[in-house]
Amino acid sequence: MGKEYEEIKAEISVRISTEDIDDIVTTALEGGICYWCRRVEVKGKYLGEFASEQISR
């Protein structure tokens, strides 16, 4: 017989700062996404010194 599953929906609220977003994106760009993303490019007006700042804004 097959397994029976129940579906549960969970909803959370999280307060996250711009600095936290910058840190997460920086970590991704420095190695976390390299296996599926070969190139990241900033387009438009530059909103920060680093690409991660551009993305988070």
C-alpha atoms as a PDB file:
ATOM      1  CA  MET A   1       0.000   0.000   0.000  1.00  0.00           C
ATOM      2  CA  GLY A   2       1.173   3.565  -0.707  1.00  0.00           C
ATOM      3  CA  LYS A   3       1.857   6.214   1.880  1.00  0.00           C
ATOM      4  CA  GLU A   4      -0.815   8.728   2.743  1.00  0.00           C
ATOM      5  CA  TYR A   5       0.162  12.396   2.997  1.00  0.00           C
ATOM      6  CA  GLU A   6      -1.433  15.427   4.553  1.00  0.00           C
ATOM      7  CA  GLU A   7      -0.935  18.899   3.119  1.00  0.00           C
ATOM      8  CA  ILE A   8      -0.100  21.647   5.601  1.00  0.00           C
ATOM      9  CA  LYS A   9       0.070  25.353   4.753  1.00  0.00           C
ATOM     10  CA  ALA A  10       2.419  27.487   6.852  1.00  0.00           C
ATOM     11  CA  GLU A  11       2.670  31.266   6.689  1.00  0.00           C
ATOM     12  CA  ILE A  12       5.375  33.312   8.421  1.00  0.00           C
ATOM     13  CA  SER A  13       6.370  36.952   8.671  1.00  0.00           C
ATOM     14  CA  VAL A  14      10.030  37.908   8.725  1.00  0.00           C
ATOM     15  CA  ARG A  15      11.649  41.302   9.245  1.00  0.00           C
ATOM     16  CA  ILE A  16      14.772  41.541   7.111  1.00  0.00           C
ATOM     17  CA  SER A  17      17.047  44.532   6.610  1.00  0.00           C
ATOM     18  CA  THR A  18      18.562  45.794   3.377  1.00  0.00           C
ATOM     19  CA  GLU A  19      21.936  44.757   4.804  1.00  0.00           C
ATOM     20  CA  ASP A  20      20.633  41.196   5.311  1.00  0.00           C
ATOM     21  CA  ILE A  21      19.448  41.090   1.686  1.00  0.00           C
ATOM     22  CA  ASP A  22      22.827  42.426   0.501  1.00  0.00           C
ATOM     23  CA  ASP A  23      24.618  39.715   2.511  1.00  0.00           C
ATOM     24  CA  ILE A  24      22.408  36.939   1.129  1.00  0.00           C
ATOM     25  CA  VAL A  25      22.791  38.108  -2.476  1.00  0.00           C
ATOM     26  CA  THR A  26      26.567  38.602  -2.064  1.00  0.00           C
ATOM     27  CA  THR A  27      26.921  35.046  -0.757  1.00  0.00           C
ATOM     28  CA  ALA A  28      24.897  33.735  -3.709  1.00  0.00           C
ATOM     29  CA  LEU A  29      26.924  35.682  -6.265  1.00  0.00           C
ATOM     30  CA  GLU A  30      30.251  34.637  -4.743  1.00  0.00           C
ATOM     31  CA  GLY A  31      29.633  30.946  -5.158  1.00  0.00           C
ATOM     32  CA  GLY A  32      26.189  29.795  -4.112  1.00  0.00           C
ATOM     33  CA  ILE A  33      24.597  30.005  -7.563  1.00  0.00           C
ATOM     34  CA  CYS A  34      27.598  29.158  -9.734  1.00  0.00           C
ATOM     35  CA  TYR A  35      26.309  25.706 -10.651  1.00  0.00           C
ATOM     36  CA  TRP A  36      23.276  27.149 -12.468  1.00  0.00           C
ATOM     37  CA  CYS A  37      24.137  30.813 -13.138  1.00  0.00           C
ATOM     38  CA  ARG A  38      27.187  31.594 -15.273  1.00  0.00           C
ATOM     39  CA  ARG A  39      26.918  35.377 -15.444  1.00  0.00           C
ATOM     40  CA  VAL A  40      25.306  38.280 -13.590  1.00  0.00           C
ATOM     41  CA  GLU A  41      25.149  41.737 -15.123  1.00  0.00           C
ATOM     42  CA  VAL A  42      23.953  45.066 -13.721  1.00  0.00           C
ATOM     43  CA  LYS A  43      21.573  46.906 -16.060  1.00  0.00           C
ATOM     44  CA  GLY A  44      20.232  50.414 -15.717  1.00  0.00           C
ATOM     45  CA  LYS A  45      21.338  53.150 -13.353  1.00  0.00           C
ATOM     46  CA  TYR A  46      23.836  51.882 -10.796  1.00  0.00           C
ATOM     47  CA  LEU A  47      22.223  52.016  -7.347  1.00  0.00           C
ATOM     48  CA  GLY A  48      25.194  50.838  -5.315  1.00  0.00           C
ATOM     49  CA  GLU A  49      28.876  50.064  -5.367  1.00  0.00           C
ATOM     50  CA  PHE A  50      28.377  46.315  -5.767  1.00  0.00           C
ATOM     51  CA  ALA A  51      26.067  44.176  -7.929  1.00  0.00           C
ATOM     52  CA  SER A  52      24.391  42.765  -4.808  1.00  0.00           C
ATOM     53  CA  GLU A  53      23.328  46.283  -3.809  1.00  0.00           C
ATOM     54  CA  GLN A  54      21.782  46.794  -7.244  1.00  0.00           C
ATOM     55  CA  ILE A  55      19.769  43.609  -6.940  1.00  0.00           C
ATOM     56  CA  SER A  56      18.548  44.265  -3.389  1.00  0.00           C
ATOM     57  CA  ARG A  57      17.316  47.732  -4.284  1.00  0.00           C
END
